[in-house]
Amino acid sequence: MSDPLAELNRLQERDLELDHIREDQSRIPEELGQARVHTKALENQLGGLQDQLREVRMAYHKADLELQDLKGKYAKAKQAQSQAQSTKEQTQYGEQMRQLEDRIEEIEGNDKKKIVGEIMPLMEQMDALEKQIEGLKASLEEARTRLDHLEAANQQRVDDLEATHQSKKAARDQLAAIIPAPVVKEYESIRKARKGTGLAKMAKTSNGYRCTACNVQLPMHVAQQIHQANKVVRCPSCGRILWKGE
């Protein structure tokens, strides 16, 4: 007659193997993890550059609109000056035109006066950002292609492990079926609470016996009950089912 706890030990070995497969499934390969981080960093960098470009474009369009408005006002002031009836009016329009010219130069620039202006730096920033974005998009496309390849390879790995898990799980369940159901139920409850093992072997020491799971010395009467093997005995310390071994 087979020992139910010996079978339970074999069941635990299979459960631990199944646990290992699940852990392996959840593990992210280092290369894939690095590719995800790299791709995300490129996406964030691209988003930041695109935000910068939008802000610069808005500043450019704002300056350009103001420039066109100033030039329109300058043209009107110049026309009004030419139609002025008095020297005073001509002087007033002349002062208005001078102020408009100053602001126009601040925006448009003046090479002769070595005034850079606001428009040109904004155009240069837009050009530089557009080139950076173009290059970054190419890098991101390459990174995404590589990431897709790694994701597909990892999914295949996970699927293969799942097939292995299902096969081993079926064999495990067949083994569990030959062990008394109350023993299996108690073992599974302990294993769940202990996150891994529900059965522990009892080991002989120089002055008695100990539980190999928690390493606590066992009372002699507990050791005797385990040797008699007429009922399920649990470790007084960790609560695992104790087995005398084969």
Protein backbone atom coordinates (compact mmCIF):
# COMPACT_ATOMS: atom_id res chain seq x y z
CA MET A 1 0.00 0.00 0.00
CA SER A 2 1.44 3.36 -1.02
CA ASP A 3 2.11 6.10 1.49
CA PRO A 4 -0.32 9.02 0.86
CA LEU A 5 2.27 11.49 2.17
CA ALA A 6 4.93 10.11 -0.18
CA GLU A 7 2.49 10.73 -3.03
CA LEU A 8 1.74 14.14 -1.54
CA ASN A 9 5.46 14.92 -1.62
CA ARG A 10 5.56 14.05 -5.32
CA LEU A 11 2.48 16.22 -5.81
CA GLN A 12 4.26 19.11 -4.12
CA GLU A 13 7.28 18.65 -6.39
CA ARG A 14 4.96 19.01 -9.39
CA ASP A 15 3.22 22.01 -7.85
CA LEU A 16 6.57 23.72 -7.31
CA GLU A 17 7.48 22.98 -10.90
CA LEU A 18 4.20 24.55 -12.03
CA ASP A 19 4.93 27.57 -9.81
CA HIS A 20 8.30 27.93 -11.49
CA ILE A 21 6.67 27.89 -14.92
CA ARG A 22 4.26 30.64 -13.85
CA GLU A 23 7.13 32.70 -12.49
CA ASP A 24 9.02 32.22 -15.74
CA GLN A 25 5.97 33.33 -17.70
CA SER A 26 5.70 36.55 -15.71
CA ARG A 27 9.42 37.29 -16.01
CA ILE A 28 10.23 40.06 -18.49
CA PRO A 29 13.39 39.25 -20.50
CA GLU A 30 16.10 41.84 -19.87
CA GLU A 31 16.40 42.72 -23.56
CA LEU A 32 12.64 43.29 -23.81
CA GLY A 33 12.59 45.39 -20.64
CA GLN A 34 15.39 47.58 -21.94
CA ALA A 35 13.65 47.94 -25.32
CA ARG A 36 10.44 49.06 -23.60
CA VAL A 37 12.29 51.64 -21.52
CA HIS A 38 14.22 52.89 -24.57
CA THR A 39 11.09 53.20 -26.71
CA LYS A 40 9.20 54.99 -23.94
CA ALA A 41 12.10 57.41 -23.47
CA LEU A 42 12.10 58.21 -27.20
CA GLU A 43 8.32 58.73 -27.13
CA ASN A 44 8.64 61.11 -24.18
CA GLN A 45 11.50 62.96 -25.86
CA LEU A 46 9.51 63.27 -29.08
CA GLY A 47 6.48 64.55 -27.19
CA GLY A 48 8.63 67.14 -25.45
CA LEU A 49 10.12 68.38 -28.72
CA GLN A 50 6.69 68.53 -30.36
CA ASP A 51 5.41 70.60 -27.42
CA GLN A 52 8.38 72.94 -27.81
CA LEU A 53 7.74 73.25 -31.53
CA ARG A 54 4.07 74.13 -30.92
CA GLU A 55 5.08 76.83 -28.45
CA VAL A 56 7.68 78.30 -30.83
CA ARG A 57 5.20 78.25 -33.72
CA MET A 58 2.63 80.04 -31.58
CA ALA A 59 5.23 82.66 -30.64
CA TYR A 60 6.20 83.03 -34.31
CA HIS A 61 2.60 83.42 -35.49
CA LYS A 62 1.91 85.92 -32.71
CA ALA A 63 4.96 87.98 -33.69
CA ASP A 64 4.07 87.71 -37.38
CA LEU A 65 0.50 88.87 -36.76
CA GLU A 66 1.78 91.81 -34.73
CA LEU A 67 4.28 92.63 -37.49
CA GLN A 68 1.58 92.65 -40.17
CA ASP A 69 -0.62 94.82 -37.95
CA LEU A 70 2.24 97.28 -37.35
CA LYS A 71 3.03 97.46 -41.05
CA GLY A 72 -0.63 98.15 -41.78
CA LYS A 73 -0.70 100.94 -39.20
CA TYR A 74 2.57 102.32 -40.58
CA ALA A 75 1.13 102.42 -44.10
CA LYS A 76 -1.97 104.23 -42.84
CA ALA A 77 0.13 106.70 -40.84
CA LYS A 78 2.32 107.37 -43.86
CA GLN A 79 -0.70 107.97 -46.07
CA ALA A 80 -2.25 110.24 -43.43
CA GLN A 81 1.00 112.20 -43.16
CA SER A 82 1.05 112.79 -46.88
CA GLN A 83 -2.47 114.20 -46.65
CA ALA A 84 -1.86 116.27 -43.49
CA GLN A 85 -2.82 119.93 -43.77
CA SER A 86 -0.42 121.24 -41.15
CA THR A 87 3.15 120.86 -40.01
CA LYS A 88 1.91 119.82 -36.59
CA GLU A 89 -0.10 116.92 -38.05
CA GLN A 90 2.85 115.88 -40.21
CA THR A 91 5.08 115.87 -37.12
CA GLN A 92 2.55 113.84 -35.12
CA TYR A 93 2.25 111.23 -37.86
CA GLY A 94 6.02 111.24 -38.25
CA GLU A 95 6.46 110.45 -34.53
CA GLN A 96 3.85 107.71 -34.80
CA MET A 97 5.68 106.23 -37.80
CA ARG A 98 9.00 106.38 -35.90
CA GLN A 99 7.53 104.46 -32.97
CA LEU A 100 6.01 101.91 -35.35
CA GLU A 101 9.34 101.53 -37.17
CA ASP A 102 11.13 100.89 -33.87
CA ARG A 103 8.74 98.11 -32.96
CA ILE A 104 8.82 96.69 -36.50
CA GLU A 105 12.61 96.53 -36.28
CA GLU A 106 12.37 94.81 -32.89
CA ILE A 107 10.26 92.10 -34.49
CA GLU A 108 11.60 91.93 -38.04
CA GLY A 109 15.19 92.90 -37.39
CA ASN A 110 17.47 95.27 -39.31
CA ASP A 111 20.73 94.02 -40.79
CA LYS A 112 22.14 97.52 -41.25
CA LYS A 113 21.53 98.37 -37.61
CA LYS A 114 22.56 94.84 -36.57
CA ILE A 115 19.21 94.24 -34.94
CA VAL A 116 18.45 90.51 -34.92
CA GLY A 117 14.75 90.88 -34.24
CA GLU A 118 12.29 88.33 -32.84
CA ILE A 119 11.19 86.60 -36.03
CA MET A 120 14.51 85.18 -37.21
CA PRO A 121 15.46 83.36 -33.95
CA LEU A 122 11.97 81.84 -33.85
CA MET A 123 12.33 80.63 -37.44
CA GLU A 124 15.74 79.16 -36.63
CA GLN A 125 14.30 77.42 -33.56
CA MET A 126 11.47 75.97 -35.63
CA ASP A 127 13.89 74.71 -38.26
CA ALA A 128 16.16 73.12 -35.64
CA LEU A 129 13.25 71.51 -33.81
CA GLU A 130 11.74 70.15 -37.02
CA LYS A 131 15.07 68.51 -37.91
CA GLN A 132 15.38 67.04 -34.41
CA ILE A 133 11.83 65.72 -34.59
CA GLU A 134 12.43 64.20 -38.01
CA GLY A 135 15.53 62.38 -36.76
CA LEU A 136 13.83 61.27 -33.57
CA LYS A 137 10.83 59.89 -35.47
CA ALA A 138 13.19 57.73 -37.52
CA SER A 139 14.87 56.46 -34.34
CA LEU A 140 11.49 55.82 -32.73
CA GLU A 141 10.24 53.88 -35.75
CA GLU A 142 13.33 51.69 -35.61
CA ALA A 143 12.92 51.19 -31.84
CA ARG A 144 9.24 50.28 -32.22
CA THR A 145 10.03 47.75 -34.94
CA ARG A 146 12.60 46.10 -32.68
CA LEU A 147 10.21 46.24 -29.72
CA ASP A 148 7.43 44.60 -31.74
CA HIS A 149 9.82 41.78 -32.68
CA LEU A 150 10.84 41.26 -29.05
CA GLU A 151 7.23 41.43 -27.84
CA ALA A 152 6.23 38.77 -30.38
CA ALA A 153 9.14 36.54 -29.38
CA ASN A 154 8.24 36.91 -25.71
CA GLN A 155 4.59 36.15 -26.38
CA GLN A 156 5.64 32.96 -28.17
CA ARG A 157 7.79 32.07 -25.16
CA VAL A 158 4.85 32.67 -22.81
CA ASP A 159 2.52 30.61 -25.03
CA ASP A 160 4.99 27.71 -25.14
CA LEU A 161 5.29 27.81 -21.35
CA GLU A 162 1.51 27.84 -21.07
CA ALA A 163 1.27 24.68 -23.18
CA THR A 164 3.89 23.06 -20.94
CA HIS A 165 2.02 24.21 -17.84
CA GLN A 166 -1.29 22.77 -19.04
CA SER A 167 0.34 19.43 -19.85
CA LYS A 168 2.08 19.19 -16.48
CA LYS A 169 -1.06 20.41 -14.69
CA ALA A 170 -3.04 17.53 -16.18
CA ALA A 171 -0.43 15.04 -14.94
CA ARG A 172 -0.43 16.75 -11.55
CA ASP A 173 -4.21 16.46 -11.26
CA GLN A 174 -4.04 12.76 -12.10
CA LEU A 175 -1.58 12.27 -9.25
CA ALA A 176 -3.76 14.32 -6.87
CA ALA A 177 -6.72 12.06 -7.68
CA ILE A 178 -5.05 9.02 -6.09
CA ILE A 179 -4.38 10.83 -2.80
CA PRO A 180 -7.21 11.05 -0.23
CA ALA A 181 -9.15 14.22 -0.99
CA PRO A 182 -9.13 15.59 2.60
CA VAL A 183 -5.31 15.34 2.66
CA VAL A 184 -5.01 17.15 -0.68
CA LYS A 185 -7.44 19.85 0.45
CA GLU A 186 -5.54 20.42 3.70
CA TYR A 187 -2.21 20.48 1.85
CA GLU A 188 -3.47 23.00 -0.72
CA SER A 189 -4.83 25.27 2.02
CA ILE A 190 -1.49 25.25 3.84
CA ARG A 191 0.46 25.70 0.61
CA LYS A 192 -1.62 28.74 -0.29
CA ALA A 193 -1.12 30.27 3.15
CA ARG A 194 2.61 29.53 3.08
CA LYS A 195 2.97 30.66 -0.54
CA GLY A 196 4.68 27.55 -1.82
CA THR A 197 4.93 24.47 0.36
CA GLY A 198 2.31 22.61 2.38
CA LEU A 199 4.40 19.55 3.20
CA ALA A 200 7.74 19.33 4.98
CA LYS A 201 10.00 16.40 5.67
CA MET A 202 11.01 15.57 9.22
CA ALA A 203 14.77 15.22 9.65
CA LYS A 204 16.68 13.42 12.40
CA THR A 205 19.11 15.47 14.48
CA SER A 206 21.63 14.58 17.17
CA ASN A 207 19.05 15.11 19.89
CA GLY A 208 15.74 14.44 18.17
CA TYR A 209 13.93 15.61 15.06
CA ARG A 210 13.29 18.92 13.31
CA CYS A 211 10.99 20.33 10.61
CA THR A 212 13.03 20.92 7.45
CA ALA A 213 10.76 23.82 6.42
CA CYS A 214 11.06 26.05 9.51
CA ASN A 215 14.03 24.24 11.13
CA VAL A 216 12.30 24.09 14.52
CA GLN A 217 13.01 21.18 16.87
CA LEU A 218 9.94 18.93 17.13
CA PRO A 219 8.53 17.65 20.42
CA MET A 220 9.14 13.92 20.80
CA HIS A 221 5.44 13.05 20.89
CA VAL A 222 4.97 14.82 17.53
CA ALA A 223 7.83 12.81 16.06
CA GLN A 224 6.31 9.61 17.36
CA GLN A 225 2.94 10.42 15.78
CA ILE A 226 4.66 11.04 12.45
CA HIS A 227 6.44 7.67 12.62
CA GLN A 228 3.20 5.92 13.40
CA ALA A 229 1.77 7.48 10.22
CA ASN A 230 -1.82 6.80 11.18
CA LYS A 231 -2.96 10.42 10.82
CA VAL A 232 -1.88 13.76 9.34
CA VAL A 233 0.42 15.60 11.71
CA ARG A 234 1.30 19.24 11.33
CA CYS A 235 4.37 21.13 12.51
CA PRO A 236 3.56 22.98 15.75
CA SER A 237 5.63 25.92 14.49
CA CYS A 238 4.90 26.50 10.79
CA GLY A 239 1.73 24.42 10.43
CA ARG A 240 2.96 22.36 7.46
CA ILE A 241 2.08 18.67 7.15
CA LEU A 242 5.04 16.64 8.37
CA TRP A 243 6.31 13.57 6.53
CA LYS A 244 8.81 11.05 7.84
CA GLY A 245 10.30 10.47 4.40
CA GLU A 246 10.76 7.28 2.40
